[in-house]
Amino acid sequence: MRRLLLLALLAPVVTLPQTVPDPTPGSVSFANELHSANDSFINAAECAGGTVLVQWDIENTATTITSFTVYAHNRTSAHTEQSTGACPTVDQDGGDTALRVGPIATFDDVAVSNPNGVTEPSAEIGLDAAFIVSVAGKSCGATADEDIVLCVQANNNGGTARGKVVLSTRAPGKPTAVTAGSGSGALNVEWTAPSGSPQAEYYVIEAAFDSTTTQAIDPSLLGTVTSGAVTATSHRLTGLVNSVIYRVRVYAFSTADNRSVGSDDTRGMPELANDFWTAYKAAGGQEEGGCGFGSAGAIGIVLAAAALAVLRRRS
């Protein structure tokens, strides 16, 4: 019953910090997903052994509170995050035949759970994600998103706090038609978004060493280069080494940060001679995009083309 981790580290797919928004009185807030500031989820990685980071603010709290108990239940028409009164404690409580509920953890030391006092928001507390799902009668293998409500009961005539978290473990399909055009120390990667549900909210590109065309490069010094979150279907991946062939793979992520299967590998090799944009800028080009350009932009394009011709002859 007492599966809890105070100030626990989370286990999302993408290992970046998550933060818990300040709860309002009577509410439970959850750590926001990395790219979904208004939504909170239990994703596949968290279901596989991670924690959900929460914080509560009890409404109508009596100063005689001796402990807090956290309950999880499925969201029904009679029991939601908007409900009032005491937390339900047993299945079918109050005649709600659809209700599945149980305790997640009890905090007997309120000085630890609420270091600033029982009338103030709690500390950030990590709760076992898989246990929450199980107690609420749900499965980590769910094929559709499921709502789960956490209800915190302040014992000894205290108040409550409630909040909703969404169980979402499905990942988008894999990106397709990946190409990797050459740039100087970079690859210009493009792909086609997957179809179906859930949709991809963002992508991450990986470029791993495959082989090299020159003996001057020590392969042991070359690792995998990974992009940040990309919301478009194209990205210039920098930090690569010219004359090295990379295996490029693109992953799609859902709103809940569930990662797709990787795209089929494509190969690309950064080359200075093929990077028109770098040559154009080096030749004095000022255009930043769009269809129109002035005389300076036109001259820059001509100079860039000439520079590329020289580079290719030298190679």
C-alpha atoms as a PDB file:
ATOM      1  CA  MET A   1       0.000   0.000   0.000  1.00  0.00           C
ATOM      2  CA  ARG A   2       2.714   2.407   0.895  1.00  0.00           C
ATOM      3  CA  ARG A   3       4.483   2.680  -2.422  1.00  0.00           C
ATOM      4  CA  LEU A   4       5.804   6.211  -2.391  1.00  0.00           C
ATOM      5  CA  LEU A   5       8.968   8.132  -3.082  1.00  0.00           C
ATOM      6  CA  LEU A   6       9.373  11.609  -1.675  1.00  0.00           C
ATOM      7  CA  LEU A   7      10.925  13.953  -4.213  1.00  0.00           C
ATOM      8  CA  ALA A   8      11.515  10.990  -6.493  1.00  0.00           C
ATOM      9  CA  LEU A   9      13.199  11.172  -9.873  1.00  0.00           C
ATOM     10  CA  LEU A  10      10.775  10.553 -12.713  1.00  0.00           C
ATOM     11  CA  ALA A  11      11.291   8.094 -15.551  1.00  0.00           C
ATOM     12  CA  PRO A  12       9.906   9.724 -18.710  1.00  0.00           C
ATOM     13  CA  VAL A  13      10.954   8.688 -22.186  1.00  0.00           C
ATOM     14  CA  VAL A  14      12.917  11.888 -22.632  1.00  0.00           C
ATOM     15  CA  THR A  15      15.046  12.538 -19.564  1.00  0.00           C
ATOM     16  CA  LEU A  16      14.472  16.244 -19.085  1.00  0.00           C
ATOM     17  CA  PRO A  17      13.171  17.940 -15.895  1.00  0.00           C
ATOM     18  CA  GLN A  18       9.459  17.998 -15.184  1.00  0.00           C
ATOM     19  CA  THR A  19       7.879  20.550 -12.869  1.00  0.00           C
ATOM     20  CA  VAL A  20       4.727  20.508 -10.765  1.00  0.00           C
ATOM     21  CA  PRO A  21       2.551  23.628 -11.096  1.00  0.00           C
ATOM     22  CA  ASP A  22       1.377  25.199  -7.834  1.00  0.00           C
ATOM     23  CA  PRO A  23      -1.950  23.608  -6.877  1.00  0.00           C
ATOM     24  CA  THR A  24      -4.993  25.717  -6.108  1.00  0.00           C
ATOM     25  CA  PRO A  25      -6.905  25.050  -2.864  1.00  0.00           C
ATOM     26  CA  GLY A  26      -8.751  21.755  -3.122  1.00  0.00           C
ATOM     27  CA  SER A  27      -6.696  20.458  -6.044  1.00  0.00           C
ATOM     28  CA  VAL A  28      -3.908  18.007  -6.860  1.00  0.00           C
ATOM     29  CA  SER A  29      -1.432  19.105  -9.527  1.00  0.00           C
ATOM     30  CA  PHE A  30       0.795  16.796 -11.563  1.00  0.00           C
ATOM     31  CA  ALA A  31       4.178  17.176 -13.181  1.00  0.00           C
ATOM     32  CA  ASN A  32       3.646  18.637 -16.636  1.00  0.00           C
ATOM     33  CA  GLU A  33       4.802  16.574 -19.577  1.00  0.00           C
ATOM     34  CA  LEU A  34       7.781  18.000 -21.395  1.00  0.00           C
ATOM     35  CA  HIS A  35       5.918  19.528 -24.321  1.00  0.00           C
ATOM     36  CA  SER A  36       2.358  19.673 -23.006  1.00  0.00           C
ATOM     37  CA  ALA A  37       2.180  22.419 -20.433  1.00  0.00           C
ATOM     38  CA  ASN A  38      -1.571  22.064 -19.860  1.00  0.00           C
ATOM     39  CA  ASP A  39      -1.799  18.278 -19.670  1.00  0.00           C
ATOM     40  CA  SER A  40      -0.599  15.650 -17.230  1.00  0.00           C
ATOM     41  CA  PHE A  41      -0.193  12.012 -18.152  1.00  0.00           C
ATOM     42  CA  ILE A  42       0.967   8.613 -17.045  1.00  0.00           C
ATOM     43  CA  ASN A  43       2.863   7.416 -20.111  1.00  0.00           C
ATOM     44  CA  ALA A  44       4.280   4.039 -21.089  1.00  0.00           C
ATOM     45  CA  ALA A  45       7.676   4.591 -19.473  1.00  0.00           C
ATOM     46  CA  GLU A  46       6.121   5.688 -16.195  1.00  0.00           C
ATOM     47  CA  CYS A  47       3.794   2.670 -16.270  1.00  0.00           C
ATOM     48  CA  ALA A  48       6.816   0.425 -16.735  1.00  0.00           C
ATOM     49  CA  GLY A  49       8.370   1.498 -13.452  1.00  0.00           C
ATOM     50  CA  GLY A  50       8.297   5.259 -13.066  1.00  0.00           C
ATOM     51  CA  THR A  51       6.662   7.656 -10.676  1.00  0.00           C
ATOM     52  CA  VAL A  52       4.104  10.425 -10.931  1.00  0.00           C
ATOM     53  CA  LEU A  53       5.164  13.625  -9.220  1.00  0.00           C
ATOM     54  CA  VAL A  54       2.281  15.387  -7.445  1.00  0.00           C
ATOM     55  CA  GLN A  55       1.542  18.235  -5.070  1.00  0.00           C
ATOM     56  CA  TRP A  56      -1.719  18.952  -3.236  1.00  0.00           C
ATOM     57  CA  ASP A  57      -3.393  21.798  -1.420  1.00  0.00           C
ATOM     58  CA  ILE A  58      -6.145  20.667   0.948  1.00  0.00           C
ATOM     59  CA  GLU A  59      -9.257  22.819   1.036  1.00  0.00           C
ATOM     60  CA  ASN A  60     -10.967  23.536   4.388  1.00  0.00           C
ATOM     61  CA  THR A  61      -8.130  21.950   6.325  1.00  0.00           C
ATOM     62  CA  ALA A  62      -8.456  21.635  10.093  1.00  0.00           C
ATOM     63  CA  THR A  63      -5.309  22.371  12.068  1.00  0.00           C
ATOM     64  CA  THR A  64      -5.700  19.080  13.954  1.00  0.00           C
ATOM     65  CA  ILE A  65      -4.824  16.976  10.893  1.00  0.00           C
ATOM     66  CA  THR A  66      -2.850  13.907  11.913  1.00  0.00           C
ATOM     67  CA  SER A  67      -2.187  12.302   8.501  1.00  0.00           C
ATOM     68  CA  PHE A  68      -3.037  12.290   4.783  1.00  0.00           C
ATOM     69  CA  THR A  69      -4.222   9.358   2.695  1.00  0.00           C
ATOM     70  CA  VAL A  70      -4.023   9.388  -1.105  1.00  0.00           C
ATOM     71  CA  TYR A  71      -6.668   7.402  -3.013  1.00  0.00           C
ATOM     72  CA  ALA A  72      -6.827   6.609  -6.743  1.00  0.00           C
ATOM     73  CA  HIS A  73     -10.007   5.804  -8.629  1.00  0.00           C
ATOM     74  CA  ASN A  74     -11.376   5.667 -12.157  1.00  0.00           C
ATOM     75  CA  ARG A  75     -13.307   8.718 -13.289  1.00  0.00           C
ATOM     76  CA  THR A  76     -17.052   8.052 -13.289  1.00  0.00           C
ATOM     77  CA  SER A  77     -20.101  10.256 -13.736  1.00  0.00           C
ATOM     78  CA  ALA A  78     -20.560  10.340  -9.960  1.00  0.00           C
ATOM     79  CA  HIS A  79     -16.908  10.676  -8.937  1.00  0.00           C
ATOM     80  CA  THR A  80     -14.721  13.163 -10.809  1.00  0.00           C
ATOM     81  CA  GLU A  81     -11.957  15.641 -10.023  1.00  0.00           C
ATOM     82  CA  GLN A  82     -14.721  18.197  -9.484  1.00  0.00           C
ATOM     83  CA  SER A  83     -16.463  16.194  -6.771  1.00  0.00           C
ATOM     84  CA  THR A  84     -16.711  17.488  -3.212  1.00  0.00           C
ATOM     85  CA  GLY A  85     -16.879  15.841   0.181  1.00  0.00           C
ATOM     86  CA  ALA A  86     -14.824  12.978   1.536  1.00  0.00           C
ATOM     87  CA  CYS A  87     -12.809  10.790  -0.818  1.00  0.00           C
ATOM     88  CA  PRO A  88     -14.432   7.496  -1.813  1.00  0.00           C
ATOM     89  CA  THR A  89     -12.607   4.651  -0.105  1.00  0.00           C
ATOM     90  CA  VAL A  90     -14.047   1.357  -1.395  1.00  0.00           C
ATOM     91  CA  ASP A  91     -15.284  -0.003  -4.719  1.00  0.00           C
ATOM     92  CA  GLN A  92     -18.854   1.017  -5.563  1.00  0.00           C
ATOM     93  CA  ASP A  93     -18.787   3.609  -2.787  1.00  0.00           C
ATOM     94  CA  GLY A  94     -22.046   5.547  -2.551  1.00  0.00           C
ATOM     95  CA  GLY A  95     -23.795   3.104  -4.885  1.00  0.00           C
ATOM     96  CA  ASP A  96     -21.526   3.985  -7.831  1.00  0.00           C
ATOM     97  CA  THR A  97     -21.282   0.507  -9.357  1.00  0.00           C
ATOM     98  CA  ALA A  98     -18.630   1.606 -11.871  1.00  0.00           C
ATOM     99  CA  LEU A  99     -16.249   2.940  -9.213  1.00  0.00           C
ATOM    100  CA  ARG A 100     -12.893   1.241  -8.627  1.00  0.00           C
ATOM    101  CA  VAL A 101     -10.892   2.861  -5.833  1.00  0.00           C
ATOM    102  CA  GLY A 102      -8.193   2.148  -3.292  1.00  0.00           C
ATOM    103  CA  PRO A 103      -5.501   3.800  -1.147  1.00  0.00           C
ATOM    104  CA  ILE A 104      -2.114   4.584  -2.716  1.00  0.00           C
ATOM    105  CA  ALA A 105      -0.224   5.871   0.311  1.00  0.00           C
ATOM    106  CA  THR A 106      -0.699   7.248   3.811  1.00  0.00           C
ATOM    107  CA  PHE A 107       1.503  10.004   5.192  1.00  0.00           C
ATOM    108  CA  ASP A 108       1.569   9.815   8.963  1.00  0.00           C
ATOM    109  CA  ASP A 109       4.216  12.512   9.412  1.00  0.00           C
ATOM    110  CA  VAL A 110       2.556  15.707   8.208  1.00  0.00           C
ATOM    111  CA  ALA A 111       5.769  17.601   8.918  1.00  0.00           C
ATOM    112  CA  VAL A 112       7.350  15.645   6.052  1.00  0.00           C
ATOM    113  CA  SER A 113       4.459  15.702   3.587  1.00  0.00           C
ATOM    114  CA  ASN A 114       3.541  19.317   4.411  1.00  0.00           C
ATOM    115  CA  PRO A 115       6.695  20.995   5.727  1.00  0.00           C
ATOM    116  CA  ASN A 116       5.105  24.467   5.551  1.00  0.00           C
ATOM    117  CA  GLY A 117       2.043  23.407   7.526  1.00  0.00           C
ATOM    118  CA  VAL A 118      -1.143  21.491   6.749  1.00  0.00           C
ATOM    119  CA  THR A 119      -2.874  24.639   5.496  1.00  0.00           C
ATOM    120  CA  GLU A 120      -0.160  25.119   2.843  1.00  0.00           C
ATOM    121  CA  PRO A 121       0.611  23.103  -0.327  1.00  0.00           C
ATOM    122  CA  SER A 122       2.383  19.792   0.227  1.00  0.00           C
ATOM    123  CA  ALA A 123       5.896  18.919  -0.773  1.00  0.00           C
ATOM    124  CA  GLU A 124       6.405  17.433  -4.258  1.00  0.00           C
ATOM    125  CA  ILE A 125       5.755  13.732  -3.774  1.00  0.00           C
ATOM    126  CA  GLY A 126       6.427  10.826  -6.131  1.00  0.00           C
ATOM    127  CA  LEU A 127       3.828   8.052  -6.325  1.00  0.00           C
ATOM    128  CA  ASP A 128       4.185   4.674  -8.053  1.00  0.00           C
ATOM    129  CA  ALA A 129       2.560   5.118 -11.486  1.00  0.00           C
ATOM    130  CA  ALA A 130       1.798   1.435 -12.124  1.00  0.00           C
ATOM    131  CA  PHE A 131       0.215   1.108  -8.676  1.00  0.00           C
ATOM    132  CA  ILE A 132      -2.056   4.097  -9.329  1.00  0.00           C
ATOM    133  CA  VAL A 133      -3.196   2.519 -12.601  1.00  0.00           C
ATOM    134  CA  SER A 134      -3.845  -0.878 -11.017  1.00  0.00           C
ATOM    135  CA  VAL A 135      -5.780   0.486  -8.026  1.00  0.00           C
ATOM    136  CA  ALA A 136      -7.999   2.518 -10.370  1.00  0.00           C
ATOM    137  CA  GLY A 137      -8.898  -0.676 -12.238  1.00  0.00           C
ATOM    138  CA  LYS A 138      -6.956   0.285 -15.371  1.00  0.00           C
ATOM    139  CA  SER A 139      -4.194  -1.377 -17.386  1.00  0.00           C
ATOM    140  CA  CYS A 140      -0.907  -0.028 -18.707  1.00  0.00           C
ATOM    141  CA  GLY A 141      -1.774  -1.833 -21.945  1.00  0.00           C
ATOM    142  CA  ALA A 142      -4.899   0.285 -22.482  1.00  0.00           C
ATOM    143  CA  THR A 143      -5.673   0.907 -26.153  1.00  0.00           C
ATOM    144  CA  ALA A 144      -7.346   4.255 -25.450  1.00  0.00           C
ATOM    145  CA  ASP A 145      -6.661   7.130 -23.076  1.00  0.00           C
ATOM    146  CA  GLU A 146      -8.185   6.659 -19.606  1.00  0.00           C
ATOM    147  CA  ASP A 147      -8.897   9.249 -16.897  1.00  0.00           C
ATOM    148  CA  ILE A 148      -7.792   8.580 -13.314  1.00  0.00           C
ATOM    149  CA  VAL A 149      -8.591  10.745 -10.299  1.00  0.00           C
ATOM    150  CA  LEU A 150      -6.353  11.160  -7.258  1.00  0.00           C
ATOM    151  CA  CYS A 151      -8.139  12.205  -4.090  1.00  0.00           C
ATOM    152  CA  VAL A 152      -6.156  13.255  -1.003  1.00  0.00           C
ATOM    153  CA  GLN A 153      -8.008  12.966   2.286  1.00  0.00           C
ATOM    154  CA  ALA A 154      -6.837  14.945   5.312  1.00  0.00           C
ATOM    155  CA  ASN A 155      -7.653  12.630   8.204  1.00  0.00           C
ATOM    156  CA  ASN A 156      -9.199  13.671  11.537  1.00  0.00           C
ATOM    157  CA  ASN A 157     -12.003  15.848  10.148  1.00  0.00           C
ATOM    158  CA  GLY A 158      -9.899  17.512   7.485  1.00  0.00           C
ATOM    159  CA  GLY A 159     -10.677  18.483   3.915  1.00  0.00           C
ATOM    160  CA  THR A 160      -9.763  16.989   0.548  1.00  0.00           C
ATOM    161  CA  ALA A 161      -7.930  17.737  -2.694  1.00  0.00           C
ATOM    162  CA  ARG A 162      -8.588  16.177  -6.110  1.00  0.00           C
ATOM    163  CA  GLY A 163      -6.928  16.103  -9.503  1.00  0.00           C
ATOM    164  CA  LYS A 164      -7.127  14.182 -12.801  1.00  0.00           C
ATOM    165  CA  VAL A 165      -4.278  12.443 -14.617  1.00  0.00           C
ATOM    166  CA  VAL A 166      -4.619  10.763 -18.030  1.00  0.00           C
ATOM    167  CA  LEU A 167      -3.312   7.243 -18.619  1.00  0.00           C
ATOM    168  CA  SER A 168      -1.913   7.430 -22.171  1.00  0.00           C
ATOM    169  CA  THR A 169       0.490   4.712 -23.294  1.00  0.00           C
ATOM    170  CA  ARG A 170       0.019   4.610 -27.072  1.00  0.00           C
ATOM    171  CA  ALA A 171       2.749   5.921 -29.368  1.00  0.00           C
ATOM    172  CA  PRO A 172       2.442   7.441 -32.857  1.00  0.00           C
ATOM    173  CA  GLY A 173       3.360   5.485 -35.958  1.00  0.00           C
ATOM    174  CA  LYS A 174       6.921   5.751 -37.215  1.00  0.00           C
ATOM    175  CA  PRO A 175       8.034   8.597 -39.514  1.00  0.00           C
ATOM    176  CA  THR A 176       8.606   7.584 -43.137  1.00  0.00           C
ATOM    177  CA  ALA A 177      10.421   8.767 -46.278  1.00  0.00           C
ATOM    178  CA  VAL A 178      13.420  10.097 -44.327  1.00  0.00           C
ATOM    179  CA  THR A 179      16.108  11.880 -46.339  1.00  0.00           C
ATOM    180  CA  ALA A 180      19.403  13.345 -45.145  1.00  0.00           C
ATOM    181  CA  GLY A 181      20.928  16.007 -47.397  1.00  0.00           C
ATOM    182  CA  SER A 182      24.559  17.015 -46.968  1.00  0.00           C
ATOM    183  CA  GLY A 183      25.647  20.181 -45.198  1.00  0.00           C
ATOM    184  CA  SER A 184      28.903  21.388 -43.719  1.00  0.00           C
ATOM    185  CA  GLY A 185      29.132  19.601 -40.368  1.00  0.00           C
ATOM    186  CA  ALA A 186      25.414  18.980 -40.644  1.00  0.00           C
ATOM    187  CA  LEU A 187      22.664  16.970 -42.287  1.00  0.00           C
ATOM    188  CA  ASN A 188      19.434  18.502 -43.563  1.00  0.00           C
ATOM    189  CA  VAL A 189      16.895  15.872 -42.524  1.00  0.00           C
ATOM    190  CA  GLU A 190      13.337  15.684 -43.843  1.00  0.00           C
ATOM    191  CA  TRP A 191      10.589  13.133 -43.273  1.00  0.00           C
ATOM    192  CA  THR A 192       6.878  12.431 -43.625  1.00  0.00           C
ATOM    193  CA  ALA A 193       4.692  12.560 -40.506  1.00  0.00           C
ATOM    194  CA  PRO A 194       2.997   9.313 -39.483  1.00  0.00           C
ATOM    195  CA  SER A 195      -0.736   8.961 -39.987  1.00  0.00           C
ATOM    196  CA  GLY A 196      -3.294   7.641 -37.547  1.00  0.00           C
ATOM    197  CA  SER A 197      -3.798   8.178 -33.834  1.00  0.00           C
ATOM    198  CA  PRO A 198      -2.250   9.385 -31.656  1.00  0.00           C
ATOM    199  CA  GLN A 199      -0.734  12.158 -33.713  1.00  0.00           C
ATOM    200  CA  ALA A 200       2.918  13.101 -33.399  1.00  0.00           C
ATOM    201  CA  GLU A 201       3.449  16.226 -31.322  1.00  0.00           C
ATOM    202  CA  TYR A 202       7.204  16.404 -31.849  1.00  0.00           C
ATOM    203  CA  TYR A 203      10.181  14.471 -33.229  1.00  0.00           C
ATOM    204  CA  VAL A 204      13.738  13.608 -32.219  1.00  0.00           C
ATOM    205  CA  ILE A 205      16.457  12.875 -34.789  1.00  0.00           C
ATOM    206  CA  GLU A 206      19.429  10.597 -34.113  1.00  0.00           C
ATOM    207  CA  ALA A 207      22.566  10.344 -36.244  1.00  0.00           C
ATOM    208  CA  ALA A 208      24.899   7.466 -35.376  1.00  0.00           C
ATOM    209  CA  PHE A 209      28.377   6.802 -36.844  1.00  0.00           C
ATOM    210  CA  ASP A 210      28.287   4.313 -39.709  1.00  0.00           C
ATOM    211  CA  SER A 211      31.619   4.594 -41.541  1.00  0.00           C
ATOM    212  CA  THR A 212      34.186   7.129 -42.678  1.00  0.00           C
ATOM    213  CA  THR A 213      35.747   7.983 -46.035  1.00  0.00           C
ATOM    214  CA  THR A 214      39.081   9.089 -44.590  1.00  0.00           C
ATOM    215  CA  GLN A 215      41.697   7.522 -42.328  1.00  0.00           C
ATOM    216  CA  ALA A 216      42.224  10.884 -40.612  1.00  0.00           C
ATOM    217  CA  ILE A 217      39.125  10.387 -38.438  1.00  0.00           C
ATOM    218  CA  ASP A 218      39.194   8.080 -35.423  1.00  0.00           C
ATOM    219  CA  PRO A 219      35.785   6.303 -35.342  1.00  0.00           C
ATOM    220  CA  SER A 220      36.096   5.717 -31.588  1.00  0.00           C
ATOM    221  CA  LEU A 221      35.761   9.467 -31.063  1.00  0.00           C
ATOM    222  CA  LEU A 222      32.430   9.651 -32.880  1.00  0.00           C
ATOM    223  CA  GLY A 223      29.230   9.044 -30.954  1.00  0.00           C
ATOM    224  CA  THR A 224      25.536   9.519 -31.617  1.00  0.00           C
ATOM    225  CA  VAL A 225      24.246  13.055 -32.133  1.00  0.00           C
ATOM    226  CA  THR A 226      20.651  13.696 -31.055  1.00  0.00           C
ATOM    227  CA  SER A 227      18.442  16.691 -31.724  1.00  0.00           C
ATOM    228  CA  GLY A 228      16.139  18.372 -29.278  1.00  0.00           C
ATOM    229  CA  ALA A 229      12.382  18.300 -29.760  1.00  0.00           C
ATOM    230  CA  VAL A 230      11.439  19.291 -33.325  1.00  0.00           C
ATOM    231  CA  THR A 231       7.846  20.210 -34.165  1.00  0.00           C
ATOM    232  CA  ALA A 232       8.326  20.524 -37.954  1.00  0.00           C
ATOM    233  CA  THR A 233       9.004  17.682 -40.409  1.00  0.00           C
ATOM    234  CA  SER A 234      12.453  18.943 -41.324  1.00  0.00           C
ATOM    235  CA  HIS A 235      15.511  19.824 -39.276  1.00  0.00           C
ATOM    236  CA  ARG A 236      19.162  20.748 -39.772  1.00  0.00           C
ATOM    237  CA  LEU A 237      21.123  18.450 -37.454  1.00  0.00           C
ATOM    238  CA  THR A 238      24.448  20.080 -36.596  1.00  0.00           C
ATOM    239  CA  GLY A 239      27.507  18.994 -34.633  1.00  0.00           C
ATOM    240  CA  LEU A 240      28.487  16.332 -37.180  1.00  0.00           C
ATOM    241  CA  VAL A 241      31.856  15.641 -38.837  1.00  0.00           C
ATOM    242  CA  ASN A 242      32.451  16.073 -42.566  1.00  0.00           C
ATOM    243  CA  SER A 243      33.370  12.953 -44.574  1.00  0.00           C
ATOM    244  CA  VAL A 244      31.699  10.685 -42.012  1.00  0.00           C
ATOM    245  CA  ILE A 245      28.695   8.594 -43.022  1.00  0.00           C
ATOM    246  CA  TYR A 246      25.905   8.622 -40.428  1.00  0.00           C
ATOM    247  CA  ARG A 247      22.872   6.375 -39.981  1.00  0.00           C
ATOM    248  CA  VAL A 248      19.931   8.705 -39.459  1.00  0.00           C
ATOM    249  CA  ARG A 249      16.742   7.731 -37.671  1.00  0.00           C
ATOM    250  CA  VAL A 250      13.700   9.811 -36.694  1.00  0.00           C
ATOM    251  CA  TYR A 251      11.347   9.127 -33.774  1.00  0.00           C
ATOM    252  CA  ALA A 252       7.856  10.565 -33.274  1.00  0.00           C
ATOM    253  CA  PHE A 253       6.504  11.384 -29.815  1.00  0.00           C
ATOM    254  CA  SER A 254       2.912  11.731 -28.653  1.00  0.00           C
ATOM    255  CA  THR A 255       1.535  14.476 -26.419  1.00  0.00           C
ATOM    256  CA  ALA A 256       2.208  12.161 -23.466  1.00  0.00           C
ATOM    257  CA  ASP A 257       5.855  11.684 -24.558  1.00  0.00           C
ATOM    258  CA  ASN A 258       5.394   8.119 -25.800  1.00  0.00           C
ATOM    259  CA  ARG A 259       8.052   7.335 -28.416  1.00  0.00           C
ATOM    260  CA  SER A 260       7.318   5.621 -31.700  1.00  0.00           C
ATOM    261  CA  VAL A 261       9.336   2.891 -33.337  1.00  0.00           C
ATOM    262  CA  GLY A 262      12.262   4.495 -35.132  1.00  0.00           C
ATOM    263  CA  SER A 263      12.039   5.257 -38.819  1.00  0.00           C
ATOM    264  CA  ASP A 264      13.914   3.096 -41.287  1.00  0.00           C
ATOM    265  CA  ASP A 265      17.582   4.090 -41.302  1.00  0.00           C
ATOM    266  CA  THR A 266      18.827   6.408 -43.989  1.00  0.00           C
ATOM    267  CA  ARG A 267      22.439   7.398 -44.510  1.00  0.00           C
ATOM    268  CA  GLY A 268      23.950  10.789 -45.044  1.00  0.00           C
ATOM    269  CA  MET A 269      27.420  12.346 -45.133  1.00  0.00           C
ATOM    270  CA  PRO A 270      28.150  15.969 -44.198  1.00  0.00           C
ATOM    271  CA  GLU A 271      30.193  17.688 -46.906  1.00  0.00           C
ATOM    272  CA  LEU A 272      31.265  21.303 -47.180  1.00  0.00           C
ATOM    273  CA  ALA A 273      31.065  21.305 -50.991  1.00  0.00           C
ATOM    274  CA  ASN A 274      27.378  20.432 -51.008  1.00  0.00           C
ATOM    275  CA  ASP A 275      26.201  22.981 -48.445  1.00  0.00           C
ATOM    276  CA  PHE A 276      24.682  25.739 -50.576  1.00  0.00           C
ATOM    277  CA  TRP A 277      23.336  27.705 -47.591  1.00  0.00           C
ATOM    278  CA  THR A 278      26.735  27.930 -45.873  1.00  0.00           C
ATOM    279  CA  ALA A 279      28.416  29.024 -49.087  1.00  0.00           C
ATOM    280  CA  TYR A 280      25.675  31.565 -49.781  1.00  0.00           C
ATOM    281  CA  LYS A 281      26.019  33.145 -46.339  1.00  0.00           C
ATOM    282  CA  ALA A 282      29.818  33.160 -46.584  1.00  0.00           C
ATOM    283  CA  ALA A 283      29.512  34.973 -49.917  1.00  0.00           C
ATOM    284  CA  GLY A 284      27.518  37.780 -48.296  1.00  0.00           C
ATOM    285  CA  GLY A 285      23.958  36.545 -48.721  1.00  0.00           C
ATOM    286  CA  GLN A 286      21.531  38.295 -46.398  1.00  0.00           C
ATOM    287  CA  GLU A 287      18.191  36.657 -47.233  1.00  0.00           C
ATOM    288  CA  GLU A 288      16.639  34.788 -44.333  1.00  0.00           C
ATOM    289  CA  GLY A 289      13.838  33.126 -46.276  1.00  0.00           C
ATOM    290  CA  GLY A 290      10.872  33.895 -48.494  1.00  0.00           C
ATOM    291  CA  CYS A 291      10.482  34.213 -52.226  1.00  0.00           C
ATOM    292  CA  GLY A 292      11.591  37.794 -52.785  1.00  0.00           C
ATOM    293  CA  PHE A 293      15.150  39.160 -52.590  1.00  0.00           C
ATOM    294  CA  GLY A 294      16.926  42.357 -53.514  1.00  0.00           C
ATOM    295  CA  SER A 295      20.013  42.980 -55.596  1.00  0.00           C
ATOM    296  CA  ALA A 296      22.339  42.125 -52.710  1.00  0.00           C
ATOM    297  CA  GLY A 297      20.614  38.770 -52.277  1.00  0.00           C
ATOM    298  CA  ALA A 298      20.875  38.028 -55.972  1.00  0.00           C
ATOM    299  CA  ILE A 299      24.592  38.863 -55.992  1.00  0.00           C
ATOM    300  CA  GLY A 300      25.056  36.634 -52.948  1.00  0.00           C
ATOM    301  CA  ILE A 301      23.414  33.732 -54.754  1.00  0.00           C
ATOM    302  CA  VAL A 302      25.677  34.178 -57.759  1.00  0.00           C
ATOM    303  CA  LEU A 303      28.753  34.338 -55.535  1.00  0.00           C
ATOM    304  CA  ALA A 304      27.578  31.273 -53.612  1.00  0.00           C
ATOM    305  CA  ALA A 305      27.179  29.320 -56.825  1.00  0.00           C
ATOM    306  CA  ALA A 306      30.659  30.363 -57.915  1.00  0.00           C
ATOM    307  CA  ALA A 307      32.104  29.337 -54.565  1.00  0.00           C
ATOM    308  CA  LEU A 308      30.458  25.930 -54.816  1.00  0.00           C
ATOM    309  CA  ALA A 309      31.867  25.445 -58.317  1.00  0.00           C
ATOM    310  CA  VAL A 310      35.390  26.178 -57.062  1.00  0.00           C
ATOM    311  CA  LEU A 311      34.990  23.811 -54.123  1.00  0.00           C
ATOM    312  CA  ARG A 312      33.771  21.005 -56.326  1.00  0.00           C
ATOM    313  CA  ARG A 313      36.653  21.462 -58.778  1.00  0.00           C
ATOM    314  CA  ARG A 314      39.124  21.290 -55.884  1.00  0.00           C
ATOM    315  CA  SER A 315      37.557  18.105 -54.608  1.00  0.00           C
END
